PDB file of N, CA and C in Angstrom:
ATOM      1  N   MET A   1     134.498-183.409 -15.571  1.00  0.00           N
ATOM      2  CA  MET A   1     133.790-183.420 -14.454  1.00  0.00           C
ATOM      3  C   MET A   1     132.658-182.379 -14.201  1.00  0.00           C
ATOM      4  N   ARG A   2     132.810-181.315 -14.835  1.00  0.00           N
ATOM      5  CA  ARG A   2     131.702-180.312 -15.020  1.00  0.00           C
ATOM      6  C   ARG A   2     130.428-180.746 -15.876  1.00  0.00           C
ATOM      7  N   LYS A   3     130.962-181.300 -17.087  1.00  0.00           N
ATOM      8  CA  LYS A   3     129.976-181.523 -17.945  1.00  0.00           C
ATOM      9  C   LYS A   3     128.974-182.859 -17.183  1.00  0.00           C
ATOM     10  N   GLU A   4     129.720-183.755 -16.505  1.00  0.00           N
ATOM     11  CA  GLU A   4     129.012-184.887 -15.827  1.00  0.00           C
ATOM     12  C   GLU A   4     128.100-184.314 -14.844  1.00  0.00           C
ATOM     13  N   PHE A   5     128.629-182.922 -13.885  1.00  0.00           N
ATOM     14  CA  PHE A   5     127.739-182.542 -12.990  1.00  0.00           C
ATOM     15  C   PHE A   5     126.498-181.853 -13.582  1.00  0.00           C
ATOM     16  N   LEU A   6     126.834-180.970 -15.028  1.00  0.00           N
ATOM     17  CA  LEU A   6     125.589-180.784 -15.512  1.00  0.00           C
ATOM     18  C   LEU A   6     124.617-181.629 -15.948  1.00  0.00           C
ATOM     19  N   PHE A   7     124.953-182.874 -16.529  1.00  0.00           N
ATOM     20  CA  PHE A   7     124.152-183.680 -16.883  1.00  0.00           C
ATOM     21  C   PHE A   7     123.380-184.141 -15.750  1.00  0.00           C
ATOM     22  N   ILE A   8     123.997-184.438 -14.437  1.00  0.00           N
ATOM     23  CA  ILE A   8     123.192-185.063 -13.491  1.00  0.00           C
ATOM     24  C   ILE A   8     122.200-184.056 -13.115  1.00  0.00           C
ATOM     25  N   LEU A   9     122.656-182.681 -13.016  1.00  0.00           N
ATOM     26  CA  LEU A   9     121.575-181.458 -12.509  1.00  0.00           C
ATOM     27  C   LEU A   9     120.510-181.520 -13.507  1.00  0.00           C
ATOM     28  N   CYS A  10     120.807-181.543 -14.738  1.00  0.00           N
ATOM     29  CA  CYS A  10     119.969-181.496 -15.917  1.00  0.00           C
ATOM     30  C   CYS A  10     118.542-182.798 -15.570  1.00  0.00           C
ATOM     31  N   GLY A  11     119.360-183.832 -15.445  1.00  0.00           N
ATOM     32  CA  GLY A  11     118.601-185.308 -15.226  1.00  0.00           C
ATOM     33  C   GLY A  11     117.429-184.884 -13.808  1.00  0.00           C
ATOM     34  N   SER A  12     118.232-184.554 -12.930  1.00  0.00           N
ATOM     35  CA  SER A  12     117.377-184.303 -11.580  1.00  0.00           C
ATOM     36  C   SER A  12     116.200-183.145 -11.950  1.00  0.00           C
ATOM     37  N   MET A  13     116.537-182.003 -12.839  1.00  0.00           N
ATOM     38  CA  MET A  13     115.369-181.235 -12.806  1.00  0.00           C
ATOM     39  C   MET A  13     114.452-181.887 -13.563  1.00  0.00           C
ATOM     40  N   LEU A  14     114.767-182.714 -14.741  1.00  0.00           N
ATOM     41  CA  LEU A  14     113.777-183.109 -15.558  1.00  0.00           C
ATOM     42  C   LEU A  14     113.079-184.034 -14.899  1.00  0.00           C
ATOM     43  N   ALA A  15     113.667-185.003 -13.921  1.00  0.00           N
ATOM     44  CA  ALA A  15     112.510-185.893 -12.902  1.00  0.00           C
ATOM     45  C   ALA A  15     111.818-185.200 -12.333  1.00  0.00           C
ATOM     46  N   ALA A  16     112.004-183.975 -11.570  1.00  0.00           N
ATOM     47  CA  ALA A  16     111.203-182.995 -10.844  1.00  0.00           C
ATOM     48  C   ALA A  16     109.867-182.773 -11.364  1.00  0.00           C
ATOM     49  N   CYS A  17     110.064-182.557 -12.830  1.00  0.00           N
ATOM     50  CA  CYS A  17     108.711-182.224 -13.661  1.00  0.00           C
ATOM     51  C   CYS A  17     107.807-183.094 -13.672  1.00  0.00           C
ATOM     52  N   SER A  18     108.179-184.356 -13.196  1.00  0.00           N
ATOM     53  CA  SER A  18     107.234-185.652 -13.174  1.00  0.00           C
ATOM     54  C   SER A  18     106.140-185.207 -12.140  1.00  0.00           C
ATOM     55  N   ASN A  19     106.517-184.197 -11.185  1.00  0.00           N
ATOM     56  CA  ASN A  19     105.567-184.222 -10.099  1.00  0.00           C
ATOM     57  C   ASN A  19     104.417-182.919 -10.597  1.00  0.00           C
ATOM     58  N   ILE A  20     104.940-182.328 -11.417  1.00  0.00           N
ATOM     59  CA  ILE A  20     103.911-181.286 -11.832  1.00  0.00           C
ATOM     60  C   ILE A  20     102.465-181.756 -12.025  1.00  0.00           C
ATOM     61  N   PRO A  21     101.580-181.121 -11.617  1.00  0.00           N
ATOM     62  CA  PRO A  21      99.989-181.771 -12.055  1.00  0.00           C
ATOM     63  C   PRO A  21      99.848-181.671 -13.426  1.00  0.00           C
ATOM     64  N   GLY A  22      99.122-182.595 -13.794  1.00  0.00           N
ATOM     65  CA  GLY A  22      98.812-182.672 -15.289  1.00  0.00           C
ATOM     66  C   GLY A  22      99.981-183.386 -16.224  1.00  0.00           C
ATOM     67  N   LEU A  23     100.938-183.511 -15.556  1.00  0.00           N
ATOM     68  CA  LEU A  23     101.966-184.205 -16.542  1.00  0.00           C
ATOM     69  C   LEU A  23     101.999-185.675 -15.807  1.00  0.00           C
ATOM     70  N   GLY A  24     102.056-186.660 -16.775  1.00  0.00           N
ATOM     71  CA  GLY A  24     101.977-188.038 -16.352  1.00  0.00           C
ATOM     72  C   GLY A  24     101.084-188.634 -15.531  1.00  0.00           C
ATOM     73  N   GLY A  25     100.694-190.038 -15.459  1.00  0.00           N
ATOM     74  CA  GLY A  25      99.926-190.805 -14.820  1.00  0.00           C
ATOM     75  C   GLY A  25      98.371-190.513 -15.284  1.00  0.00           C
ATOM     76  N   ASP A  26      97.521-191.468 -15.388  1.00  0.00           N
ATOM     77  CA  ASP A  26      96.328-191.694 -15.712  1.00  0.00           C
ATOM     78  C   ASP A  26      95.493-190.666 -14.799  1.00  0.00           C
ATOM     79  N   ALA A  27      94.431-190.004 -15.587  1.00  0.00           N
ATOM     80  CA  ALA A  27      93.422-189.233 -14.754  1.00  0.00           C
ATOM     81  C   ALA A  27      92.507-190.263 -13.777  1.00  0.00           C
ATOM     82  N   PRO A  28      91.997-189.727 -12.971  1.00  0.00           N
ATOM     83  CA  PRO A  28      91.339-190.287 -12.005  1.00  0.00           C
ATOM     84  C   PRO A  28      89.898-190.769 -12.742  1.00  0.00           C
ATOM     85  N   LYS A  29      89.428-191.869 -12.399  1.00  0.00           N
ATOM     86  CA  LYS A  29      87.991-192.152 -13.113  1.00  0.00           C
ATOM     87  C   LYS A  29      87.177-192.861 -12.189  1.00  0.00           C
ATOM     88  N   VAL A  30      86.002-192.482 -12.566  1.00  0.00           N
ATOM     89  CA  VAL A  30      84.434-192.883 -11.861  1.00  0.00           C
ATOM     90  C   VAL A  30      84.085-194.183 -12.288  1.00  0.00           C
ATOM     91  N   SER A  31      84.103-195.282 -11.810  1.00  0.00           N
ATOM     92  CA  SER A  31      83.690-196.462 -12.696  1.00  0.00           C
ATOM     93  C   SER A  31      82.207-196.959 -12.004  1.00  0.00           C
ATOM     94  N   LEU A  32      81.325-197.033 -13.097  1.00  0.00           N
ATOM     95  CA  LEU A  32      79.794-197.223 -13.079  1.00  0.00           C
ATOM     96  C   LEU A  32      79.445-198.565 -13.365  1.00  0.00           C
ATOM     97  N   GLU A  33      78.755-199.262 -12.795  1.00  0.00           N
ATOM     98  CA  GLU A  33      78.223-200.708 -12.994  1.00  0.00           C
ATOM     99  C   GLU A  33      76.589-200.434 -12.766  1.00  0.00           C
ATOM    100  N   SER A  34      76.221-201.444 -13.279  1.00  0.00           N
ATOM    101  CA  SER A  34      74.480-201.515 -13.075  1.00  0.00           C
ATOM    102  C   SER A  34      73.915-202.900 -13.251  1.00  0.00           C
ATOM    103  N   THR A  35      72.928-203.077 -12.483  1.00  0.00           N
ATOM    104  CA  THR A  35      72.168-204.357 -12.623  1.00  0.00           C
ATOM    105  C   THR A  35      70.982-203.991 -13.153  1.00  0.00           C
ATOM    106  N   PRO A  36      70.555-204.337 -14.417  1.00  0.00           N
ATOM    107  CA  PRO A  36      71.205-205.037 -14.966  1.00  0.00           C
ATOM    108  C   PRO A  36      72.187-204.254 -15.934  1.00  0.00           C
ATOM    109  N   PRO A  37      73.165-204.692 -16.482  1.00  0.00           N
ATOM    110  CA  PRO A  37      74.078-203.831 -17.603  1.00  0.00           C
ATOM    111  C   PRO A  37      73.625-203.233 -18.656  1.00  0.00           C
ATOM    112  N   GLY A  38      74.081-202.258 -18.995  1.00  0.00           N
ATOM    113  CA  GLY A  38      73.776-201.292 -20.119  1.00  0.00           C
ATOM    114  C   GLY A  38      72.773-200.090 -20.151  1.00  0.00           C
ATOM    115  N   ALA A  39      72.734-199.725 -19.046  1.00  0.00           N
ATOM    116  CA  ALA A  39      71.782-198.561 -18.411  1.00  0.00           C
ATOM    117  C   ALA A  39      72.760-197.454 -19.013  1.00  0.00           C
ATOM    118  N   ASN A  40      72.296-196.421 -19.251  1.00  0.00           N
ATOM    119  CA  ASN A  40      73.005-195.167 -19.748  1.00  0.00           C
ATOM    120  C   ASN A  40      72.945-194.396 -18.063  1.00  0.00           C
ATOM    121  N   ALA A  41      74.409-194.147 -18.176  1.00  0.00           N
ATOM    122  CA  ALA A  41      75.027-193.476 -16.697  1.00  0.00           C
ATOM    123  C   ALA A  41      75.325-192.268 -17.136  1.00  0.00           C
ATOM    124  N   SER A  42      74.706-191.154 -16.253  1.00  0.00           N
ATOM    125  CA  SER A  42      75.098-189.824 -16.904  1.00  0.00           C
ATOM    126  C   SER A  42      75.598-188.818 -15.225  1.00  0.00           C
ATOM    127  N   LEU A  43      77.048-188.644 -15.443  1.00  0.00           N
ATOM    128  CA  LEU A  43      77.349-187.868 -14.109  1.00  0.00           C
ATOM    129  C   LEU A  43      76.948-186.322 -14.010  1.00  0.00           C
ATOM    130  N   SER A  44      76.689-185.965 -12.985  1.00  0.00           N
ATOM    131  CA  SER A  44      75.946-184.532 -12.977  1.00  0.00           C
ATOM    132  C   SER A  44      77.153-183.431 -13.544  1.00  0.00           C
ATOM    133  N   SER A  45      78.493-183.873 -13.534  1.00  0.00           N
ATOM    134  CA  SER A  45      79.509-182.840 -13.727  1.00  0.00           C
ATOM    135  C   SER A  45      79.689-183.020 -15.355  1.00  0.00           C
ATOM    136  N   GLY A  46      78.934-183.662 -15.949  1.00  0.00           N
ATOM    137  CA  GLY A  46      79.219-183.811 -17.200  1.00  0.00           C
ATOM    138  C   GLY A  46      79.548-185.182 -17.944  1.00  0.00           C
ATOM    139  N   GLY A  47      79.143-185.764 -18.809  1.00  0.00           N
ATOM    140  CA  GLY A  47      79.728-187.130 -19.426  1.00  0.00           C
ATOM    141  C   GLY A  47      78.534-188.453 -19.262  1.00  0.00           C
ATOM    142  N   SER A  48      78.525-189.034 -20.270  1.00  0.00           N
ATOM    143  CA  SER A  48      77.552-190.108 -20.119  1.00  0.00           C
ATOM    144  C   SER A  48      78.248-191.485 -20.857  1.00  0.00           C
ATOM    145  N   CYS A  49      77.791-192.705 -20.254  1.00  0.00           N
ATOM    146  CA  CYS A  49      78.236-193.836 -21.159  1.00  0.00           C
ATOM    147  C   CYS A  49      77.261-194.953 -20.519  1.00  0.00           C
ATOM    148  N   LYS A  50      77.367-196.078 -21.372  1.00  0.00           N
ATOM    149  CA  LYS A  50      76.804-197.236 -21.018  1.00  0.00           C
ATOM    150  C   LYS A  50      77.535-198.295 -20.098  1.00  0.00           C
ATOM    151  N   THR A  51      76.838-198.731 -18.984  1.00  0.00           N
ATOM    152  CA  THR A  51      77.347-199.537 -18.035  1.00  0.00           C
ATOM    153  C   THR A  51      77.542-200.830 -18.782  1.00  0.00           C
ATOM    154  N   PRO A  52      78.669-201.504 -18.115  1.00  0.00           N
ATOM    155  CA  PRO A  52      79.839-200.887 -17.232  1.00  0.00           C
ATOM    156  C   PRO A  52      80.542-200.040 -18.115  1.00  0.00           C
ATOM    157  N   CYS A  53      81.225-199.130 -17.528  1.00  0.00           N
ATOM    158  CA  CYS A  53      81.850-197.984 -18.029  1.00  0.00           C
ATOM    159  C   CYS A  53      82.644-197.256 -16.936  1.00  0.00           C
ATOM    160  N   SER A  54      83.650-196.320 -17.556  1.00  0.00           N
ATOM    161  CA  SER A  54      83.994-195.401 -16.419  1.00  0.00           C
ATOM    162  C   SER A  54      84.304-194.039 -17.212  1.00  0.00           C
ATOM    163  N   LEU A  55      84.030-192.876 -16.197  1.00  0.00           N
ATOM    164  CA  LEU A  55      84.037-191.613 -16.715  1.00  0.00           C
ATOM    165  C   LEU A  55      85.097-190.981 -16.188  1.00  0.00           C
ATOM    166  N   PRO A  56      85.698-189.764 -16.783  1.00  0.00           N
ATOM    167  CA  PRO A  56      86.727-188.916 -15.925  1.00  0.00           C
ATOM    168  C   PRO A  56      86.201-188.278 -14.745  1.00  0.00           C
ATOM    169  N   ALA A  57      86.681-188.212 -13.767  1.00  0.00           N
ATOM    170  CA  ALA A  57      86.420-187.629 -12.356  1.00  0.00           C
ATOM    171  C   ALA A  57      86.418-186.301 -12.559  1.00  0.00           C
ATOM    172  N   PRO A  58      85.519-185.553 -11.909  1.00  0.00           N
ATOM    173  CA  PRO A  58      85.390-184.095 -11.665  1.00  0.00           C
ATOM    174  C   PRO A  58      87.057-183.587 -11.154  1.00  0.00           C
ATOM    175  N   ASP A  59      87.276-182.367 -11.619  1.00  0.00           N
ATOM    176  CA  ASP A  59      88.556-181.941 -11.229  1.00  0.00           C
ATOM    177  C   ASP A  59      88.353-181.064  -9.856  1.00  0.00           C
ATOM    178  N   LYS A  60      87.047-180.970  -9.428  1.00  0.00           N
ATOM    179  CA  LYS A  60      86.970-180.272  -8.244  1.00  0.00           C
ATOM    180  C   LYS A  60      86.176-180.819  -7.178  1.00  0.00           C
ATOM    181  N   THR A  61      86.517-180.695  -5.874  1.00  0.00           N
ATOM    182  CA  THR A  61      86.150-181.090  -4.659  1.00  0.00           C
ATOM    183  C   THR A  61      84.370-180.927  -4.831  1.00  0.00           C
ATOM    184  N   GLY A  62      83.505-181.978  -4.514  1.00  0.00           N
ATOM    185  CA  GLY A  62      82.287-181.805  -4.262  1.00  0.00           C
ATOM    186  C   GLY A  62      81.337-182.881  -4.240  1.00  0.00           C
ATOM    187  N   ASP A  63      79.965-182.800  -4.158  1.00  0.00           N
ATOM    188  CA  ASP A  63      78.939-183.698  -4.226  1.00  0.00           C
ATOM    189  C   ASP A  63      78.460-183.913  -5.621  1.00  0.00           C
ATOM    190  N   TYR A  64      78.548-184.798  -6.111  1.00  0.00           N
ATOM    191  CA  TYR A  64      77.856-184.973  -7.486  1.00  0.00           C
ATOM    192  C   TYR A  64      76.734-185.846  -7.612  1.00  0.00           C
ATOM    193  N   ASN A  65      76.105-186.366  -8.472  1.00  0.00           N
ATOM    194  CA  ASN A  65      75.290-187.332  -8.611  1.00  0.00           C
ATOM    195  C   ASN A  65      75.436-188.319  -9.822  1.00  0.00           C
ATOM    196  N   VAL A  66      74.984-189.337  -9.839  1.00  0.00           N
ATOM    197  CA  VAL A  66      74.743-190.454 -11.436  1.00  0.00           C
ATOM    198  C   VAL A  66      73.681-190.845 -11.299  1.00  0.00           C
ATOM    199  N   THR A  67      72.938-190.420 -12.634  1.00  0.00           N
ATOM    200  CA  THR A  67      71.671-190.928 -12.697  1.00  0.00           C
ATOM    201  C   THR A  67      72.007-192.145 -13.812  1.00  0.00           C
ATOM    202  N   PHE A  68      71.519-193.252 -13.411  1.00  0.00           N
ATOM    203  CA  PHE A  68      71.038-194.663 -14.419  1.00  0.00           C
ATOM    204  C   PHE A  68      69.765-194.457 -14.847  1.00  0.00           C
ATOM    205  N   GLY A  69      69.551-194.923 -16.215  1.00  0.00           N
ATOM    206  CA  GLY A  69      68.490-195.108 -16.859  1.00  0.00           C
ATOM    207  C   GLY A  69      68.539-196.221 -17.630  1.00  0.00           C
ATOM    208  N   LEU A  70      67.546-196.956 -17.855  1.00  0.00           N
ATOM    209  CA  LEU A  70      67.220-198.004 -18.847  1.00  0.00           C
ATOM    210  C   LEU A  70      65.809-198.275 -19.115  1.00  0.00           C
ATOM    211  N   SER A  71      65.370-198.241 -20.402  1.00  0.00           N
ATOM    212  CA  SER A  71      63.968-198.597 -20.779  1.00  0.00           C
ATOM    213  C   SER A  71      63.534-200.036 -19.849  1.00  0.00           C
ATOM    214  N   GLY A  72      62.259-199.341 -19.416  1.00  0.00           N
ATOM    215  CA  GLY A  72      61.511-200.317 -18.778  1.00  0.00           C
ATOM    216  C   GLY A  72      61.662-200.430 -17.533  1.00  0.00           C
ATOM    217  N   TYR A  73      62.654-199.810 -16.982  1.00  0.00           N
ATOM    218  CA  TYR A  73      63.177-199.771 -15.376  1.00  0.00           C
ATOM    219  C   TYR A  73      62.985-198.250 -14.999  1.00  0.00           C
ATOM    220  N   ALA A  74      62.793-197.995 -13.467  1.00  0.00           N
ATOM    221  CA  ALA A  74      62.907-196.810 -13.026  1.00  0.00           C
ATOM    222  C   ALA A  74      64.533-196.378 -12.831  1.00  0.00           C
ATOM    223  N   PRO A  75      64.488-195.274 -13.315  1.00  0.00           N
ATOM    224  CA  PRO A  75      65.534-194.299 -13.242  1.00  0.00           C
ATOM    225  C   PRO A  75      66.142-194.462 -11.705  1.00  0.00           C
ATOM    226  N   VAL A  76      67.544-194.376 -11.467  1.00  0.00           N
ATOM    227  CA  VAL A  76      67.993-194.421 -10.245  1.00  0.00           C
ATOM    228  C   VAL A  76      69.292-193.419 -10.020  1.00  0.00           C
ATOM    229  N   THR A  77      69.372-192.349  -9.014  1.00  0.00           N
ATOM    230  CA  THR A  77      70.290-191.506  -8.948  1.00  0.00           C
ATOM    231  C   THR A  77      70.932-191.902  -7.684  1.00  0.00           C
ATOM    232  N   MET A  78      72.352-191.873  -7.878  1.00  0.00           N
ATOM    233  CA  MET A  78      73.344-192.284  -6.624  1.00  0.00           C
ATOM    234  C   MET A  78      74.246-191.059  -6.674  1.00  0.00           C
ATOM    235  N   PRO A  79      74.324-190.612  -5.215  1.00  0.00           N
ATOM    236  CA  PRO A  79      75.519-189.588  -4.764  1.00  0.00           C
ATOM    237  C   PRO A  79      76.962-190.144  -5.112  1.00  0.00           C
ATOM    238  N   VAL A  80      77.758-189.180  -5.368  1.00  0.00           N
ATOM    239  CA  VAL A  80      79.236-189.788  -5.527  1.00  0.00           C
ATOM    240  C   VAL A  80      79.826-188.307  -4.680  1.00  0.00           C
ATOM    241  N   LYS A  81      80.816-188.473  -4.031  1.00  0.00           N
ATOM    242  CA  LYS A  81      81.620-187.658  -2.996  1.00  0.00           C
ATOM    243  C   LYS A  81      82.916-187.596  -3.742  1.00  0.00           C
ATOM    244  N   VAL A  82      83.538-186.442  -4.295  1.00  0.00           N
ATOM    245  CA  VAL A  82      84.798-186.317  -5.049  1.00  0.00           C
ATOM    246  C   VAL A  82      85.728-185.231  -3.895  1.00  0.00           C
ATOM    247  N   SER A  83      87.026-185.717  -3.591  1.00  0.00           N
ATOM    248  CA  SER A  83      87.693-184.876  -2.776  1.00  0.00           C
ATOM    249  C   SER A  83      89.160-184.737  -3.431  1.00  0.00           C
ATOM    250  N   VAL A  84      89.398-183.515  -3.931  1.00  0.00           N
ATOM    251  CA  VAL A  84      90.736-183.353  -4.385  1.00  0.00           C
ATOM    252  C   VAL A  84      91.620-182.697  -3.496  1.00  0.00           C
ATOM    253  N   THR A  85      92.755-183.341  -3.175  1.00  0.00           N
ATOM    254  CA  THR A  85      93.582-182.624  -2.111  1.00  0.00           C
ATOM    255  C   THR A  85      95.073-182.620  -2.818  1.00  0.00           C
ATOM    256  N   LYS A  86      95.909-181.867  -2.127  1.00  0.00           N
ATOM    257  CA  LYS A  86      97.269-181.497  -2.418  1.00  0.00           C
ATOM    258  C   LYS A  86      98.147-181.313  -1.133  1.00  0.00           C
ATOM    259  N   GLU A  87      98.955-182.221  -0.926  1.00  0.00           N
ATOM    260  CA  GLU A  87      99.815-181.866   0.372  1.00  0.00           C
ATOM    261  C   GLU A  87     100.528-180.702   0.282  1.00  0.00           C
ATOM    262  N   ASN A  88     101.340-180.447  -0.632  1.00  0.00           N
ATOM    263  CA  ASN A  88     102.122-179.313  -0.796  1.00  0.00           C
ATOM    264  C   ASN A  88     102.195-178.729  -2.000  1.00  0.00           C
ATOM    265  N   TRP A  89     102.939-177.746  -2.180  1.00  0.00           N
ATOM    266  CA  TRP A  89     102.806-176.979  -3.674  1.00  0.00           C
ATOM    267  C   TRP A  89     103.514-177.862  -4.832  1.00  0.00           C
ATOM    268  N   PHE A  90     104.521-178.913  -4.437  1.00  0.00           N
ATOM    269  CA  PHE A  90     105.028-179.582  -5.277  1.00  0.00           C
ATOM    270  C   PHE A  90     104.646-180.904  -5.453  1.00  0.00           C
ATOM    271  N   SER A  91     103.564-181.296  -4.724  1.00  0.00           N
ATOM    272  CA  SER A  91     103.174-182.610  -4.770  1.00  0.00           C
ATOM    273  C   SER A  91     101.743-182.895  -5.824  1.00  0.00           C
ATOM    274  N   ARG A  92     101.497-183.976  -6.511  1.00  0.00           N
ATOM    275  CA  ARG A  92     100.166-184.203  -6.985  1.00  0.00           C
ATOM    276  C   ARG A  92      99.244-183.897  -6.296  1.00  0.00           C
ATOM    277  N   GLU A  93      98.209-183.612  -7.088  1.00  0.00           N
ATOM    278  CA  GLU A  93      96.635-183.583  -6.436  1.00  0.00           C
ATOM    279  C   GLU A  93      96.237-185.079  -6.400  1.00  0.00           C
ATOM    280  N   THR A  94      95.654-185.415  -5.294  1.00  0.00           N
ATOM    281  CA  THR A  94      95.273-186.810  -5.261  1.00  0.00           C
ATOM    282  C   THR A  94      93.722-186.484  -4.919  1.00  0.00           C
ATOM    283  N   THR A  95      93.097-187.456  -5.925  1.00  0.00           N
ATOM    284  CA  THR A  95      91.562-187.446  -6.059  1.00  0.00           C
ATOM    285  C   THR A  95      90.921-188.609  -5.354  1.00  0.00           C
ATOM    286  N   THR A  96      90.059-188.550  -4.401  1.00  0.00           N
ATOM    287  CA  THR A  96      89.322-189.666  -3.622  1.00  0.00           C
ATOM    288  C   THR A  96      87.961-189.728  -4.355  1.00  0.00           C
ATOM    289  N   ILE A  97      87.322-190.790  -4.630  1.00  0.00           N
ATOM    290  CA  ILE A  97      86.010-190.938  -5.272  1.00  0.00           C
ATOM    291  C   ILE A  97      85.411-191.961  -4.324  1.00  0.00           C
ATOM    292  N   GLU A  98      84.174-191.562  -3.675  1.00  0.00           N
ATOM    293  CA  GLU A  98      83.504-192.370  -2.919  1.00  0.00           C
ATOM    294  C   GLU A  98      82.022-192.176  -3.407  1.00  0.00           C
ATOM    295  N   PRO A  99      81.297-193.388  -3.332  1.00  0.00           N
ATOM    296  CA  PRO A  99      81.848-194.774  -3.689  1.00  0.00           C
ATOM    297  C   PRO A  99      82.655-194.809  -4.981  1.00  0.00           C
ATOM    298  N   ASN A 100      83.431-195.939  -5.340  1.00  0.00           N
ATOM    299  CA  ASN A 100      83.951-195.989  -6.546  1.00  0.00           C
ATOM    300  C   ASN A 100      84.169-197.702  -6.663  1.00  0.00           C
ATOM    301  N   PRO A 101      83.621-198.686  -7.187  1.00  0.00           N
ATOM    302  CA  PRO A 101      82.524-198.099  -8.326  1.00  0.00           C
ATOM    303  C   PRO A 101      81.113-197.541  -7.646  1.00  0.00           C
ATOM    304  N   VAL A 102      80.781-196.710  -8.571  1.00  0.00           N
ATOM    305  CA  VAL A 102      79.281-196.600  -8.084  1.00  0.00           C
ATOM    306  C   VAL A 102      78.329-197.506  -8.691  1.00  0.00           C
ATOM    307  N   THR A 103      77.294-198.253  -7.760  1.00  0.00           N
ATOM    308  CA  THR A 103      76.645-199.342  -8.428  1.00  0.00           C
ATOM    309  C   THR A 103      75.147-199.179  -8.395  1.00  0.00           C
ATOM    310  N   ALA A 104      74.436-199.253  -9.279  1.00  0.00           N
ATOM    311  CA  ALA A 104      72.901-199.018  -9.046  1.00  0.00           C
ATOM    312  C   ALA A 104      72.158-200.467  -9.183  1.00  0.00           C
ATOM    313  N   THR A 105      70.991-200.740  -8.668  1.00  0.00           N
ATOM    314  CA  THR A 105      70.427-201.569  -9.112  1.00  0.00           C
ATOM    315  C   THR A 105      69.157-201.224  -9.539  1.00  0.00           C
ATOM    316  N   LEU A 106      68.719-201.579 -10.841  1.00  0.00           N
ATOM    317  CA  LEU A 106      67.340-200.774 -11.333  1.00  0.00           C
ATOM    318  C   LEU A 106      66.225-202.035 -11.238  1.00  0.00           C
ATOM    319  N   GLN A 107      65.206-201.090 -10.861  1.00  0.00           N
ATOM    320  CA  GLN A 107      64.117-202.013 -10.779  1.00  0.00           C
ATOM    321  C   GLN A 107      62.882-201.512 -11.755  1.00  0.00           C
ATOM    322  N   PRO A 108      61.997-202.628 -12.231  1.00  0.00           N
ATOM    323  CA  PRO A 108      60.781-202.217 -13.011  1.00  0.00           C
ATOM    324  C   PRO A 108      60.017-201.251 -12.355  1.00  0.00           C
ATOM    325  N   PRO A 109      59.510-200.309 -12.979  1.00  0.00           N
ATOM    326  CA  PRO A 109      58.664-199.183 -12.308  1.00  0.00           C
ATOM    327  C   PRO A 109      57.185-199.999 -11.666  1.00  0.00           C
ATOM    328  N   ALA A 110      57.202-199.272 -10.338  1.00  0.00           N
ATOM    329  CA  ALA A 110      55.889-199.643  -9.582  1.00  0.00           C
ATOM    330  C   ALA A 110      54.657-199.891 -10.468  1.00  0.00           C
ATOM    331  N   ALA A 111      54.288-200.842 -10.251  1.00  0.00           N
ATOM    332  CA  ALA A 111      52.793-200.834 -11.055  1.00  0.00           C
ATOM    333  C   ALA A 111      51.765-199.854 -10.538  1.00  0.00           C
ATOM    334  N   SER A 112      51.027-199.121 -11.205  1.00  0.00           N
ATOM    335  CA  SER A 112      50.090-198.154 -10.330  1.00  0.00           C
ATOM    336  C   SER A 112      48.910-199.315 -10.501  1.00  0.00           C
ATOM    337  N   PRO A 113      48.150-198.832  -9.137  1.00  0.00           N
ATOM    338  CA  PRO A 113      46.900-199.802  -9.148  1.00  0.00           C
ATOM    339  C   PRO A 113      45.762-199.450  -9.914  1.00  0.00           C
ATOM    340  N   GLN A 114      45.043-200.492 -10.309  1.00  0.00           N
ATOM    341  CA  GLN A 114      44.013-200.282 -11.305  1.00  0.00           C
ATOM    342  C   GLN A 114      42.872-200.064 -10.637  1.00  0.00           C
ATOM    343  N   ARG A 115      41.901-199.297 -11.055  1.00  0.00           N
ATOM    344  CA  ARG A 115      40.844-198.866 -10.531  1.00  0.00           C
ATOM    345  C   ARG A 115      39.691-199.845 -10.756  1.00  0.00           C
ATOM    346  N   ARG A 116      38.683-200.146  -9.644  1.00  0.00           N
ATOM    347  CA  ARG A 116      38.108-201.549 -10.296  1.00  0.00           C
ATOM    348  C   ARG A 116      36.660-200.329 -10.791  1.00  0.00           C
ATOM    349  N   ARG A 117      35.907-201.243 -11.638  1.00  0.00           N
ATOM    350  CA  ARG A 117      34.617-200.442 -11.832  1.00  0.00           C
ATOM    351  C   ARG A 117      33.386-201.284 -11.459  1.00  0.00           C
TER     352      ARG A 117
END
């Protein structure tokens, strides 16, 4: 009976470890999309990829930017708000990303007016 109790106790303690931040679960991602696809997207906290793609979310609350660039198109910068909260000491951190996905529509650069001679 004592061994069974210890076995259950150890199992419960091991299960509690699954709530420790950094253990288990997938890291939150910022999804990035553009029209047209294939733009280079750079997150101000670091990291870049070609759309459509996703990057790891920043691990701190704050306002960030994603800059989209593609040859033949004007660059576009979009704001991203990241909120990292934790309900109590034993709960996991919850990351909220707004907007997610971050979507940009790239336009050809505005034509400069030509001078008349």
